[in-house]
Amino acid sequence: MNLKKSLVAATIAAGVIGAAGAVATPALADLRVNVGIGVPVAPPAALYEPVPPAPAYGYVWAPGYWAWNYNRYIWVRGRYIAPRPGYAWVPERWDHRGDRFHFVAGNWRHEARRDHGGGRHR
């Protein structure tokens, strides 16, 4: 059996067949893995990027940020993210812990917790 057929079979096996015969697969979780080794050099100041018009109503602007790439920082441009009702986008950031800087990936936070650094809606 080739890989494509194996993936289809696994998807169907993992799904639940409803009364109408439709296959419902479990929702995929947004899983991010961060390796907390830390960077000894602070990231540069954020770059200014003009915010382009939103592609559709409700989209959230995620500002650009500095990412660590092997031995240097690289700028990752800002982008629009499809809305997630009831949640606010918290942008990527660098936390200073001790003598190192640790990257914290952007994530969605429930609106009730927005006072803890919620995202910007445009």
PDB file of N, CA and C in Angstrom:
ATOM      1  N   MET A   1       0.855  -1.170   0.000  1.00  0.00           N
ATOM      2  CA  MET A   1       0.000   0.000   0.000  1.00  0.00           C
ATOM      3  C   MET A   1       0.905   1.237   0.000  1.00  0.00           C
ATOM      4  N   ASN A   2       0.618   2.182  -0.874  1.00  0.00           N
ATOM      5  CA  ASN A   2       1.486   3.352  -0.923  1.00  0.00           C
ATOM      6  C   ASN A   2       1.142   4.334   0.188  1.00  0.00           C
ATOM      7  N   LEU A   3       1.975   5.360   0.343  1.00  0.00           N
ATOM      8  CA  LEU A   3       1.828   6.317   1.436  1.00  0.00           C
ATOM      9  C   LEU A   3       0.499   7.052   1.387  1.00  0.00           C
ATOM     10  N   LYS A   4       0.059   7.464   0.201  1.00  0.00           N
ATOM     11  CA  LYS A   4      -1.193   8.205   0.070  1.00  0.00           C
ATOM     12  C   LYS A   4      -2.379   7.368   0.556  1.00  0.00           C
ATOM     13  N   LYS A   5      -2.435   6.108   0.142  1.00  0.00           N
ATOM     14  CA  LYS A   5      -3.519   5.229   0.577  1.00  0.00           C
ATOM     15  C   LYS A   5      -3.452   4.987   2.087  1.00  0.00           C
ATOM     16  N   SER A   6      -2.230   4.883   2.631  1.00  0.00           N
ATOM     17  CA  SER A   6      -2.067   4.679   4.067  1.00  0.00           C
ATOM     18  C   SER A   6      -2.598   5.874   4.851  1.00  0.00           C
ATOM     19  N   LEU A   7      -2.307   7.090   4.373  1.00  0.00           N
ATOM     20  CA  LEU A   7      -2.787   8.287   5.051  1.00  0.00           C
ATOM     21  C   LEU A   7      -4.303   8.386   5.003  1.00  0.00           C
ATOM     22  N   VAL A   8      -4.897   8.066   3.862  1.00  0.00           N
ATOM     23  CA  VAL A   8      -6.356   8.092   3.738  1.00  0.00           C
ATOM     24  C   VAL A   8      -6.975   7.066   4.677  1.00  0.00           C
ATOM     25  N   ALA A   9      -6.417   5.872   4.720  1.00  0.00           N
ATOM     26  CA  ALA A   9      -6.935   4.824   5.592  1.00  0.00           C
ATOM     27  C   ALA A   9      -6.817   5.226   7.059  1.00  0.00           C
ATOM     28  N   ALA A  10      -5.712   5.840   7.428  1.00  0.00           N
ATOM     29  CA  ALA A  10      -5.519   6.261   8.809  1.00  0.00           C
ATOM     30  C   ALA A  10      -6.497   7.365   9.180  1.00  0.00           C
ATOM     31  N   THR A  11      -6.758   8.280   8.246  1.00  0.00           N
ATOM     32  CA  THR A  11      -7.701   9.367   8.499  1.00  0.00           C
ATOM     33  C   THR A  11      -9.102   8.820   8.715  1.00  0.00           C
ATOM     34  N   ILE A  12      -9.497   7.884   7.880  1.00  0.00           N
ATOM     35  CA  ILE A  12     -10.827   7.289   8.007  1.00  0.00           C
ATOM     36  C   ILE A  12     -10.930   6.478   9.290  1.00  0.00           C
ATOM     37  N   ALA A  13      -9.877   5.747   9.618  1.00  0.00           N
ATOM     38  CA  ALA A  13      -9.890   4.939  10.836  1.00  0.00           C
ATOM     39  C   ALA A  13      -9.972   5.816  12.083  1.00  0.00           C
ATOM     40  N   ALA A  14      -9.352   6.991  12.025  1.00  0.00           N
ATOM     41  CA  ALA A  14      -9.369   7.894  13.180  1.00  0.00           C
ATOM     42  C   ALA A  14     -10.674   8.658  13.289  1.00  0.00           C
ATOM     43  N   GLY A  15     -11.412   8.760  12.196  1.00  0.00           N
ATOM     44  CA  GLY A  15     -12.652   9.528  12.183  1.00  0.00           C
ATOM     45  C   GLY A  15     -13.810   8.742  12.775  1.00  0.00           C
ATOM     46  N   VAL A  16     -14.890   9.437  12.974  1.00  0.00           N
ATOM     47  CA  VAL A  16     -16.111   8.831  13.484  1.00  0.00           C
ATOM     48  C   VAL A  16     -17.153   8.953  12.387  1.00  0.00           C
ATOM     49  N   ILE A  17     -17.735   7.844  11.983  1.00  0.00           N
ATOM     50  CA  ILE A  17     -18.727   7.866  10.912  1.00  0.00           C
ATOM     51  C   ILE A  17     -20.090   8.157  11.523  1.00  0.00           C
ATOM     52  N   GLY A  18     -20.697   9.257  11.052  1.00  0.00           N
ATOM     53  CA  GLY A  18     -21.997   9.678  11.571  1.00  0.00           C
ATOM     54  C   GLY A  18     -23.133   8.939  10.888  1.00  0.00           C
ATOM     55  N   ALA A  19     -24.357   9.243  11.304  1.00  0.00           N
ATOM     56  CA  ALA A  19     -25.542   8.594  10.751  1.00  0.00           C
ATOM     57  C   ALA A  19     -25.698   8.862   9.269  1.00  0.00           C
ATOM     58  N   ALA A  20     -25.241  10.018   8.818  1.00  0.00           N
ATOM     59  CA  ALA A  20     -25.367  10.363   7.398  1.00  0.00           C
ATOM     60  C   ALA A  20     -24.244   9.750   6.572  1.00  0.00           C
ATOM     61  N   GLY A  21     -23.319   9.074   7.208  1.00  0.00           N
ATOM     62  CA  GLY A  21     -22.218   8.441   6.493  1.00  0.00           C
ATOM     63  C   GLY A  21     -21.024   9.359   6.289  1.00  0.00           C
ATOM     64  N   ALA A  22     -21.069  10.556   6.839  1.00  0.00           N
ATOM     65  CA  ALA A  22     -19.947  11.486   6.695  1.00  0.00           C
ATOM     66  C   ALA A  22     -18.868  11.136   7.707  1.00  0.00           C
ATOM     67  N   VAL A  23     -17.657  11.418   7.354  1.00  0.00           N
ATOM     68  CA  VAL A  23     -16.542  11.148   8.254  1.00  0.00           C
ATOM     69  C   VAL A  23     -16.164  12.438   8.963  1.00  0.00           C
ATOM     70  N   ALA A  24     -16.131  12.395  10.276  1.00  0.00           N
ATOM     71  CA  ALA A  24     -15.723  13.547  11.070  1.00  0.00           C
ATOM     72  C   ALA A  24     -14.408  13.204  11.745  1.00  0.00           C
ATOM     73  N   THR A  25     -13.373  13.936  11.422  1.00  0.00           N
ATOM     74  CA  THR A  25     -12.080  13.682  12.046  1.00  0.00           C
ATOM     75  C   THR A  25     -11.894  14.651  13.202  1.00  0.00           C
ATOM     76  N   PRO A  26     -11.116  14.271  14.192  1.00  0.00           N
ATOM     77  CA  PRO A  26     -10.888  15.157  15.333  1.00  0.00           C
ATOM     78  C   PRO A  26     -10.206  16.447  14.880  1.00  0.00           C
ATOM     79  N   ALA A  27     -10.518  17.548  15.553  1.00  0.00           N
ATOM     80  CA  ALA A  27      -9.878  18.821  15.229  1.00  0.00           C
ATOM     81  C   ALA A  27      -8.403  18.748  15.579  1.00  0.00           C
ATOM     82  N   LEU A  28      -7.591  19.350  14.740  1.00  0.00           N
ATOM     83  CA  LEU A  28      -6.158  19.368  15.001  1.00  0.00           C
ATOM     84  C   LEU A  28      -5.833  20.496  15.967  1.00  0.00           C
ATOM     85  N   ALA A  29      -5.021  20.215  16.944  1.00  0.00           N
ATOM     86  CA  ALA A  29      -4.614  21.228  17.915  1.00  0.00           C
ATOM     87  C   ALA A  29      -3.466  22.048  17.347  1.00  0.00           C
ATOM     88  N   ASP A  30      -3.369  23.280  17.787  1.00  0.00           N
ATOM     89  CA  ASP A  30      -2.256  24.135  17.402  1.00  0.00           C
ATOM     90  C   ASP A  30      -1.118  23.836  18.359  1.00  0.00           C
ATOM     91  N   LEU A  31      -0.181  23.030  17.927  1.00  0.00           N
ATOM     92  CA  LEU A  31       0.902  22.586  18.783  1.00  0.00           C
ATOM     93  C   LEU A  31       2.187  23.279  18.380  1.00  0.00           C
ATOM     94  N   ARG A  32       2.839  23.909  19.343  1.00  0.00           N
ATOM     95  CA  ARG A  32       4.116  24.555  19.093  1.00  0.00           C
ATOM     96  C   ARG A  32       5.113  24.038  20.119  1.00  0.00           C
ATOM     97  N   VAL A  33       6.306  23.790  19.663  1.00  0.00           N
ATOM     98  CA  VAL A  33       7.353  23.324  20.556  1.00  0.00           C
ATOM     99  C   VAL A  33       8.456  24.370  20.557  1.00  0.00           C
ATOM    100  N   ASN A  34       8.787  24.854  21.728  1.00  0.00           N
ATOM    101  CA  ASN A  34       9.861  25.822  21.857  1.00  0.00           C
ATOM    102  C   ASN A  34      11.006  25.180  22.616  1.00  0.00           C
ATOM    103  N   VAL A  35      12.197  25.323  22.087  1.00  0.00           N
ATOM    104  CA  VAL A  35      13.375  24.847  22.780  1.00  0.00           C
ATOM    105  C   VAL A  35      13.939  26.042  23.520  1.00  0.00           C
ATOM    106  N   GLY A  36      13.993  25.968  24.823  1.00  0.00           N
ATOM    107  CA  GLY A  36      14.362  27.109  25.643  1.00  0.00           C
ATOM    108  C   GLY A  36      15.837  27.249  25.913  1.00  0.00           C
ATOM    109  N   ILE A  37      16.674  27.209  24.902  1.00  0.00           N
ATOM    110  CA  ILE A  37      18.106  27.341  25.131  1.00  0.00           C
ATOM    111  C   ILE A  37      18.508  28.788  25.388  1.00  0.00           C
ATOM    112  N   GLY A  38      17.783  29.733  24.840  1.00  0.00           N
ATOM    113  CA  GLY A  38      18.074  31.148  25.049  1.00  0.00           C
ATOM    114  C   GLY A  38      19.187  31.647  24.163  1.00  0.00           C
ATOM    115  N   VAL A  39      19.147  32.945  23.915  1.00  0.00           N
ATOM    116  CA  VAL A  39      20.127  33.620  23.069  1.00  0.00           C
ATOM    117  C   VAL A  39      20.821  34.662  23.932  1.00  0.00           C
ATOM    118  N   PRO A  40      22.149  34.755  23.872  1.00  0.00           N
ATOM    119  CA  PRO A  40      22.854  35.704  24.737  1.00  0.00           C
ATOM    120  C   PRO A  40      22.778  37.159  24.286  1.00  0.00           C
ATOM    121  N   VAL A  41      22.312  37.417  23.073  1.00  0.00           N
ATOM    122  CA  VAL A  41      22.282  38.768  22.510  1.00  0.00           C
ATOM    123  C   VAL A  41      20.840  39.232  22.370  1.00  0.00           C
ATOM    124  N   ALA A  42      20.562  40.445  22.830  1.00  0.00           N
ATOM    125  CA  ALA A  42      19.208  40.996  22.723  1.00  0.00           C
ATOM    126  C   ALA A  42      18.829  41.185  21.259  1.00  0.00           C
ATOM    127  N   PRO A  43      17.534  41.001  20.928  1.00  0.00           N
ATOM    128  CA  PRO A  43      17.109  41.249  19.553  1.00  0.00           C
ATOM    129  C   PRO A  43      17.154  42.746  19.256  1.00  0.00           C
ATOM    130  N   PRO A  44      17.349  43.120  17.985  1.00  0.00           N
ATOM    131  CA  PRO A  44      17.316  44.538  17.620  1.00  0.00           C
ATOM    132  C   PRO A  44      15.926  45.115  17.855  1.00  0.00           C
ATOM    133  N   ALA A  45      15.817  46.417  17.768  1.00  0.00           N
ATOM    134  CA  ALA A  45      14.508  47.074  17.881  1.00  0.00           C
ATOM    135  C   ALA A  45      13.634  46.619  16.723  1.00  0.00           C
ATOM    136  N   ALA A  46      12.337  46.547  16.964  1.00  0.00           N
ATOM    137  CA  ALA A  46      11.398  46.129  15.919  1.00  0.00           C
ATOM    138  C   ALA A  46      11.477  47.096  14.737  1.00  0.00           C
ATOM    139  N   LEU A  47      11.287  46.573  13.555  1.00  0.00           N
ATOM    140  CA  LEU A  47      11.267  47.394  12.349  1.00  0.00           C
ATOM    141  C   LEU A  47       9.863  47.932  12.120  1.00  0.00           C
ATOM    142  N   TYR A  48       9.790  49.121  11.573  1.00  0.00           N
ATOM    143  CA  TYR A  48       8.484  49.689  11.251  1.00  0.00           C
ATOM    144  C   TYR A  48       7.993  49.078   9.955  1.00  0.00           C
ATOM    145  N   GLU A  49       6.763  48.607   9.959  1.00  0.00           N
ATOM    146  CA  GLU A  49       6.132  48.085   8.749  1.00  0.00           C
ATOM    147  C   GLU A  49       4.771  48.746   8.599  1.00  0.00           C
ATOM    148  N   PRO A  50       4.493  49.344   7.460  1.00  0.00           N
ATOM    149  CA  PRO A  50       3.141  49.859   7.265  1.00  0.00           C
ATOM    150  C   PRO A  50       2.164  48.685   7.235  1.00  0.00           C
ATOM    151  N   VAL A  51       1.021  48.869   7.866  1.00  0.00           N
ATOM    152  CA  VAL A  51       0.024  47.806   7.922  1.00  0.00           C
ATOM    153  C   VAL A  51      -0.842  47.887   6.673  1.00  0.00           C
ATOM    154  N   PRO A  52      -0.808  46.850   5.831  1.00  0.00           N
ATOM    155  CA  PRO A  52      -1.635  46.868   4.617  1.00  0.00           C
ATOM    156  C   PRO A  52      -3.107  46.654   4.963  1.00  0.00           C
ATOM    157  N   PRO A  53      -3.995  46.966   4.030  1.00  0.00           N
ATOM    158  CA  PRO A  53      -5.420  46.715   4.287  1.00  0.00           C
ATOM    159  C   PRO A  53      -5.661  45.228   4.557  1.00  0.00           C
ATOM    160  N   ALA A  54      -6.612  44.953   5.427  1.00  0.00           N
ATOM    161  CA  ALA A  54      -6.939  43.564   5.775  1.00  0.00           C
ATOM    162  C   ALA A  54      -7.524  42.844   4.567  1.00  0.00           C
ATOM    163  N   PRO A  55      -7.217  41.547   4.409  1.00  0.00           N
ATOM    164  CA  PRO A  55      -7.762  40.797   3.273  1.00  0.00           C
ATOM    165  C   PRO A  55      -9.263  40.575   3.381  1.00  0.00           C
ATOM    166  N   ALA A  56      -9.793  40.607   4.595  1.00  0.00           N
ATOM    167  CA  ALA A  56     -11.229  40.440   4.826  1.00  0.00           C
ATOM    168  C   ALA A  56     -11.548  40.972   6.214  1.00  0.00           C
ATOM    169  N   TYR A  57     -12.811  41.288   6.434  1.00  0.00           N
ATOM    170  CA  TYR A  57     -13.239  41.820   7.726  1.00  0.00           C
ATOM    171  C   TYR A  57     -12.885  40.850   8.854  1.00  0.00           C
ATOM    172  N   GLY A  58     -12.377  41.406   9.949  1.00  0.00           N
ATOM    173  CA  GLY A  58     -12.107  40.611  11.134  1.00  0.00           C
ATOM    174  C   GLY A  58     -10.707  40.038  11.228  1.00  0.00           C
ATOM    175  N   TYR A  59      -9.945  40.063  10.128  1.00  0.00           N
ATOM    176  CA  TYR A  59      -8.590  39.513  10.197  1.00  0.00           C
ATOM    177  C   TYR A  59      -7.754  40.303  11.192  1.00  0.00           C
ATOM    178  N   VAL A  60      -6.823  39.627  11.850  1.00  0.00           N
ATOM    179  CA  VAL A  60      -5.998  40.217  12.899  1.00  0.00           C
ATOM    180  C   VAL A  60      -4.586  40.424  12.368  1.00  0.00           C
ATOM    181  N   TRP A  61      -4.045  41.625  12.584  1.00  0.00           N
ATOM    182  CA  TRP A  61      -2.673  41.913  12.165  1.00  0.00           C
ATOM    183  C   TRP A  61      -1.708  41.373  13.213  1.00  0.00           C
ATOM    184  N   ALA A  62      -0.801  40.510  12.795  1.00  0.00           N
ATOM    185  CA  ALA A  62       0.260  39.993  13.660  1.00  0.00           C
ATOM    186  C   ALA A  62       1.536  40.728  13.242  1.00  0.00           C
ATOM    187  N   PRO A  63       2.058  41.597  14.092  1.00  0.00           N
ATOM    188  CA  PRO A  63       3.226  42.392  13.697  1.00  0.00           C
ATOM    189  C   PRO A  63       4.462  41.526  13.484  1.00  0.00           C
ATOM    190  N   GLY A  64       5.406  42.074  12.726  1.00  0.00           N
ATOM    191  CA  GLY A  64       6.668  41.370  12.481  1.00  0.00           C
ATOM    192  C   GLY A  64       7.474  41.230  13.763  1.00  0.00           C
ATOM    193  N   TYR A  65       8.463  40.366  13.722  1.00  0.00           N
ATOM    194  CA  TYR A  65       9.285  40.117  14.907  1.00  0.00           C
ATOM    195  C   TYR A  65      10.650  39.585  14.472  1.00  0.00           C
ATOM    196  N   TRP A  66      11.592  39.642  15.370  1.00  0.00           N
ATOM    197  CA  TRP A  66      12.921  39.088  15.120  1.00  0.00           C
ATOM    198  C   TRP A  66      12.933  37.616  15.539  1.00  0.00           C
ATOM    199  N   ALA A  67      13.422  36.769  14.651  1.00  0.00           N
ATOM    200  CA  ALA A  67      13.573  35.333  14.944  1.00  0.00           C
ATOM    201  C   ALA A  67      15.062  35.009  14.955  1.00  0.00           C
ATOM    202  N   TRP A  68      15.437  34.028  15.737  1.00  0.00           N
ATOM    203  CA  TRP A  68      16.837  33.595  15.801  1.00  0.00           C
ATOM    204  C   TRP A  68      17.036  32.500  14.769  1.00  0.00           C
ATOM    205  N   ASN A  69      18.038  32.658  13.909  1.00  0.00           N
ATOM    206  CA  ASN A  69      18.310  31.702  12.852  1.00  0.00           C
ATOM    207  C   ASN A  69      19.784  31.304  12.920  1.00  0.00           C
ATOM    208  N   TYR A  70      20.063  30.204  13.584  1.00  0.00           N
ATOM    209  CA  TYR A  70      21.415  29.671  13.786  1.00  0.00           C
ATOM    210  C   TYR A  70      22.255  30.608  14.633  1.00  0.00           C
ATOM    211  N   ASN A  71      22.842  31.650  14.053  1.00  0.00           N
ATOM    212  CA  ASN A  71      23.738  32.510  14.822  1.00  0.00           C
ATOM    213  C   ASN A  71      23.428  33.995  14.641  1.00  0.00           C
ATOM    214  N   ARG A  72      22.209  34.314  14.183  1.00  0.00           N
ATOM    215  CA  ARG A  72      21.857  35.719  13.981  1.00  0.00           C
ATOM    216  C   ARG A  72      20.340  35.888  13.988  1.00  0.00           C
ATOM    217  N   TYR A  73      19.918  37.111  14.179  1.00  0.00           N
ATOM    218  CA  TYR A  73      18.498  37.440  14.113  1.00  0.00           C
ATOM    219  C   TYR A  73      18.098  37.717  12.669  1.00  0.00           C
ATOM    220  N   ILE A  74      16.893  37.301  12.316  1.00  0.00           N
ATOM    221  CA  ILE A  74      16.326  37.631  11.002  1.00  0.00           C
ATOM    222  C   ILE A  74      14.931  38.204  11.237  1.00  0.00           C
ATOM    223  N   TRP A  75      14.527  39.147  10.398  1.00  0.00           N
ATOM    224  CA  TRP A  75      13.222  39.777  10.537  1.00  0.00           C
ATOM    225  C   TRP A  75      12.161  38.938   9.849  1.00  0.00           C
ATOM    226  N   VAL A  76      11.086  38.650  10.560  1.00  0.00           N
ATOM    227  CA  VAL A  76       9.931  37.932  10.010  1.00  0.00           C
ATOM    228  C   VAL A  76       8.838  38.985   9.840  1.00  0.00           C
ATOM    229  N   ARG A  77       8.407  39.195   8.611  1.00  0.00           N
ATOM    230  CA  ARG A  77       7.436  40.247   8.314  1.00  0.00           C
ATOM    231  C   ARG A  77       6.091  39.983   8.974  1.00  0.00           C
ATOM    232  N   GLY A  78       5.384  41.078   9.263  1.00  0.00           N
ATOM    233  CA  GLY A  78       4.045  40.987   9.821  1.00  0.00           C
ATOM    234  C   GLY A  78       3.097  40.348   8.821  1.00  0.00           C
ATOM    235  N   ARG A  79       1.973  39.849   9.328  1.00  0.00           N
ATOM    236  CA  ARG A  79       1.016  39.170   8.454  1.00  0.00           C
ATOM    237  C   ARG A  79      -0.365  39.218   9.088  1.00  0.00           C
ATOM    238  N   TYR A  80      -1.361  39.000   8.263  1.00  0.00           N
ATOM    239  CA  TYR A  80      -2.725  38.898   8.772  1.00  0.00           C
ATOM    240  C   TYR A  80      -3.022  37.442   9.107  1.00  0.00           C
ATOM    241  N   ILE A  81      -3.807  37.262  10.166  1.00  0.00           N
ATOM    242  CA  ILE A  81      -4.200  35.928  10.612  1.00  0.00           C
ATOM    243  C   ILE A  81      -5.720  35.864  10.588  1.00  0.00           C
ATOM    244  N   ALA A  82      -6.237  34.740  10.120  1.00  0.00           N
ATOM    245  CA  ALA A  82      -7.688  34.550  10.109  1.00  0.00           C
ATOM    246  C   ALA A  82      -8.211  34.668  11.533  1.00  0.00           C
ATOM    247  N   PRO A  83      -9.347  35.317  11.701  1.00  0.00           N
ATOM    248  CA  PRO A  83      -9.873  35.529  13.048  1.00  0.00           C
ATOM    249  C   PRO A  83     -10.250  34.231  13.751  1.00  0.00           C
ATOM    250  N   ARG A  84     -10.196  34.264  15.058  1.00  0.00           N
ATOM    251  CA  ARG A  84     -10.634  33.150  15.894  1.00  0.00           C
ATOM    252  C   ARG A  84     -11.608  33.739  16.913  1.00  0.00           C
ATOM    253  N   PRO A  85     -12.902  33.631  16.671  1.00  0.00           N
ATOM    254  CA  PRO A  85     -13.898  34.272  17.530  1.00  0.00           C
ATOM    255  C   PRO A  85     -13.697  33.947  19.007  1.00  0.00           C
ATOM    256  N   GLY A  86     -13.763  34.999  19.822  1.00  0.00           N
ATOM    257  CA  GLY A  86     -13.617  34.830  21.263  1.00  0.00           C
ATOM    258  C   GLY A  86     -12.182  34.850  21.747  1.00  0.00           C
ATOM    259  N   TYR A  87     -11.230  35.029  20.817  1.00  0.00           N
ATOM    260  CA  TYR A  87      -9.816  35.013  21.181  1.00  0.00           C
ATOM    261  C   TYR A  87      -9.118  36.250  20.646  1.00  0.00           C
ATOM    262  N   ALA A  88      -8.019  36.631  21.292  1.00  0.00           N
ATOM    263  CA  ALA A  88      -7.189  37.756  20.865  1.00  0.00           C
ATOM    264  C   ALA A  88      -5.786  37.224  20.572  1.00  0.00           C
ATOM    265  N   TRP A  89      -5.156  37.770  19.554  1.00  0.00           N
ATOM    266  CA  TRP A  89      -3.801  37.352  19.186  1.00  0.00           C
ATOM    267  C   TRP A  89      -2.784  38.040  20.085  1.00  0.00           C
ATOM    268  N   VAL A  90      -1.876  37.272  20.667  1.00  0.00           N
ATOM    269  CA  VAL A  90      -0.767  37.797  21.458  1.00  0.00           C
ATOM    270  C   VAL A  90       0.486  37.591  20.609  1.00  0.00           C
ATOM    271  N   PRO A  91       1.117  38.692  20.172  1.00  0.00           N
ATOM    272  CA  PRO A  91       2.250  38.583  19.241  1.00  0.00           C
ATOM    273  C   PRO A  91       3.480  37.886  19.828  1.00  0.00           C
ATOM    274  N   GLU A  92       4.341  37.449  18.926  1.00  0.00           N
ATOM    275  CA  GLU A  92       5.619  36.861  19.315  1.00  0.00           C
ATOM    276  C   GLU A  92       6.428  37.904  20.085  1.00  0.00           C
ATOM    277  N   ARG A  93       7.278  37.419  20.991  1.00  0.00           N
ATOM    278  CA  ARG A  93       8.102  38.346  21.761  1.00  0.00           C
ATOM    279  C   ARG A  93       9.335  37.614  22.294  1.00  0.00           C
ATOM    280  N   TRP A  94      10.262  38.395  22.818  1.00  0.00           N
ATOM    281  CA  TRP A  94      11.454  37.861  23.460  1.00  0.00           C
ATOM    282  C   TRP A  94      11.405  38.223  24.937  1.00  0.00           C
ATOM    283  N   ASP A  95      11.523  37.229  25.810  1.00  0.00           N
ATOM    284  CA  ASP A  95      11.582  37.459  27.251  1.00  0.00           C
ATOM    285  C   ASP A  95      13.036  37.429  27.691  1.00  0.00           C
ATOM    286  N   HIS A  96      13.403  38.359  28.567  1.00  0.00           N
ATOM    287  CA  HIS A  96      14.759  38.412  29.113  1.00  0.00           C
ATOM    288  C   HIS A  96      14.757  37.683  30.443  1.00  0.00           C
ATOM    289  N   ARG A  97      15.478  36.565  30.505  1.00  0.00           N
ATOM    290  CA  ARG A  97      15.574  35.761  31.731  1.00  0.00           C
ATOM    291  C   ARG A  97      17.049  35.569  32.063  1.00  0.00           C
ATOM    292  N   GLY A  98      17.457  36.142  33.158  1.00  0.00           N
ATOM    293  CA  GLY A  98      18.868  36.040  33.527  1.00  0.00           C
ATOM    294  C   GLY A  98      19.728  36.763  32.507  1.00  0.00           C
ATOM    295  N   ASP A  99      20.702  36.055  31.955  1.00  0.00           N
ATOM    296  CA  ASP A  99      21.580  36.667  30.948  1.00  0.00           C
ATOM    297  C   ASP A  99      21.231  36.211  29.529  1.00  0.00           C
ATOM    298  N   ARG A 100      20.010  35.679  29.348  1.00  0.00           N
ATOM    299  CA  ARG A 100      19.613  35.167  28.042  1.00  0.00           C
ATOM    300  C   ARG A 100      18.244  35.716  27.646  1.00  0.00           C
ATOM    301  N   PHE A 101      17.983  35.628  26.330  1.00  0.00           N
ATOM    302  CA  PHE A 101      16.698  36.035  25.768  1.00  0.00           C
ATOM    303  C   PHE A 101      16.013  34.802  25.214  1.00  0.00           C
ATOM    304  N   HIS A 102      14.746  34.627  25.559  1.00  0.00           N
ATOM    305  CA  HIS A 102      13.987  33.447  25.152  1.00  0.00           C
ATOM    306  C   HIS A 102      12.792  33.866  24.303  1.00  0.00           C
ATOM    307  N   PHE A 103      12.642  33.207  23.158  1.00  0.00           N
ATOM    308  CA  PHE A 103      11.548  33.505  22.231  1.00  0.00           C
ATOM    309  C   PHE A 103      10.257  32.890  22.751  1.00  0.00           C
ATOM    310  N   VAL A 104       9.185  33.683  22.688  1.00  0.00           N
ATOM    311  CA  VAL A 104       7.861  33.198  23.065  1.00  0.00           C
ATOM    312  C   VAL A 104       6.996  33.322  21.812  1.00  0.00           C
ATOM    313  N   ALA A 105       6.511  32.207  21.318  1.00  0.00           N
ATOM    314  CA  ALA A 105       5.717  32.173  20.089  1.00  0.00           C
ATOM    315  C   ALA A 105       4.397  32.904  20.283  1.00  0.00           C
ATOM    316  N   GLY A 106       3.902  33.506  19.201  1.00  0.00           N
ATOM    317  CA  GLY A 106       2.585  34.139  19.244  1.00  0.00           C
ATOM    318  C   GLY A 106       1.523  33.083  19.494  1.00  0.00           C
ATOM    319  N   ASN A 107       0.421  33.496  20.117  1.00  0.00           N
ATOM    320  CA  ASN A 107      -0.626  32.527  20.428  1.00  0.00           C
ATOM    321  C   ASN A 107      -1.954  33.232  20.606  1.00  0.00           C
ATOM    322  N   TRP A 108      -2.993  32.455  20.598  1.00  0.00           N
ATOM    323  CA  TRP A 108      -4.345  32.971  20.823  1.00  0.00           C
ATOM    324  C   TRP A 108      -4.663  32.842  22.300  1.00  0.00           C
ATOM    325  N   ARG A 109      -5.211  33.907  22.881  1.00  0.00           N
ATOM    326  CA  ARG A 109      -5.663  33.879  24.270  1.00  0.00           C
ATOM    327  C   ARG A 109      -7.146  34.185  24.284  1.00  0.00           C
ATOM    328  N   HIS A 110      -7.850  33.524  25.170  1.00  0.00           N
ATOM    329  CA  HIS A 110      -9.286  33.753  25.307  1.00  0.00           C
ATOM    330  C   HIS A 110      -9.524  35.216  25.672  1.00  0.00           C
ATOM    331  N   GLU A 111     -10.546  35.838  25.093  1.00  0.00           N
ATOM    332  CA  GLU A 111     -10.836  37.257  25.309  1.00  0.00           C
ATOM    333  C   GLU A 111     -10.927  37.616  26.783  1.00  0.00           C
ATOM    334  N   ALA A 112     -11.409  36.725  27.626  1.00  0.00           N
ATOM    335  CA  ALA A 112     -11.524  37.011  29.062  1.00  0.00           C
ATOM    336  C   ALA A 112     -10.156  37.276  29.672  1.00  0.00           C
ATOM    337  N   ARG A 113      -9.086  36.772  29.047  1.00  0.00           N
ATOM    338  CA  ARG A 113      -7.726  36.961  29.548  1.00  0.00           C
ATOM    339  C   ARG A 113      -6.984  38.032  28.772  1.00  0.00           C
ATOM    340  N   ARG A 114      -7.685  38.830  27.992  1.00  0.00           N
ATOM    341  CA  ARG A 114      -7.061  39.821  27.118  1.00  0.00           C
ATOM    342  C   ARG A 114      -6.233  40.847  27.883  1.00  0.00           C
ATOM    343  N   ASP A 115      -6.580  41.102  29.137  1.00  0.00           N
ATOM    344  CA  ASP A 115      -5.826  42.086  29.909  1.00  0.00           C
ATOM    345  C   ASP A 115      -4.401  41.629  30.192  1.00  0.00           C
ATOM    346  N   HIS A 116      -4.047  40.419  29.805  1.00  0.00           N
ATOM    347  CA  HIS A 116      -2.694  39.892  29.995  1.00  0.00           C
ATOM    348  C   HIS A 116      -1.888  39.982  28.710  1.00  0.00           C
ATOM    349  N   GLY A 117      -2.010  41.070  27.974  1.00  0.00           N
ATOM    350  CA  GLY A 117      -1.195  41.250  26.766  1.00  0.00           C
ATOM    351  C   GLY A 117      -1.918  40.835  25.508  1.00  0.00           C
ATOM    352  N   GLY A 118      -3.194  41.118  25.392  1.00  0.00           N
ATOM    353  CA  GLY A 118      -3.985  40.728  24.225  1.00  0.00           C
ATOM    354  C   GLY A 118      -3.495  41.357  22.942  1.00  0.00           C
ATOM    355  N   GLY A 119      -3.925  40.797  21.827  1.00  0.00           N
ATOM    356  CA  GLY A 119      -3.493  41.262  20.515  1.00  0.00           C
ATOM    357  C   GLY A 119      -4.293  42.447  20.026  1.00  0.00           C
ATOM    358  N   ARG A 120      -3.867  42.977  18.873  1.00  0.00           N
ATOM    359  CA  ARG A 120      -4.549  44.123  18.273  1.00  0.00           C
ATOM    360  C   ARG A 120      -5.420  43.642  17.133  1.00  0.00           C
ATOM    361  N   HIS A 121      -6.627  44.152  17.096  1.00  0.00           N
ATOM    362  CA  HIS A 121      -7.534  43.840  15.994  1.00  0.00           C
ATOM    363  C   HIS A 121      -7.577  45.031  15.072  1.00  0.00           C
ATOM    364  N   ARG A 122      -7.516  44.795  13.776  1.00  0.00           N
ATOM    365  CA  ARG A 122      -7.612  45.874  12.792  1.00  0.00           C
ATOM    366  C   ARG A 122      -8.619  45.495  11.763  1.00  0.00           C
TER     367      ARG A 122
END
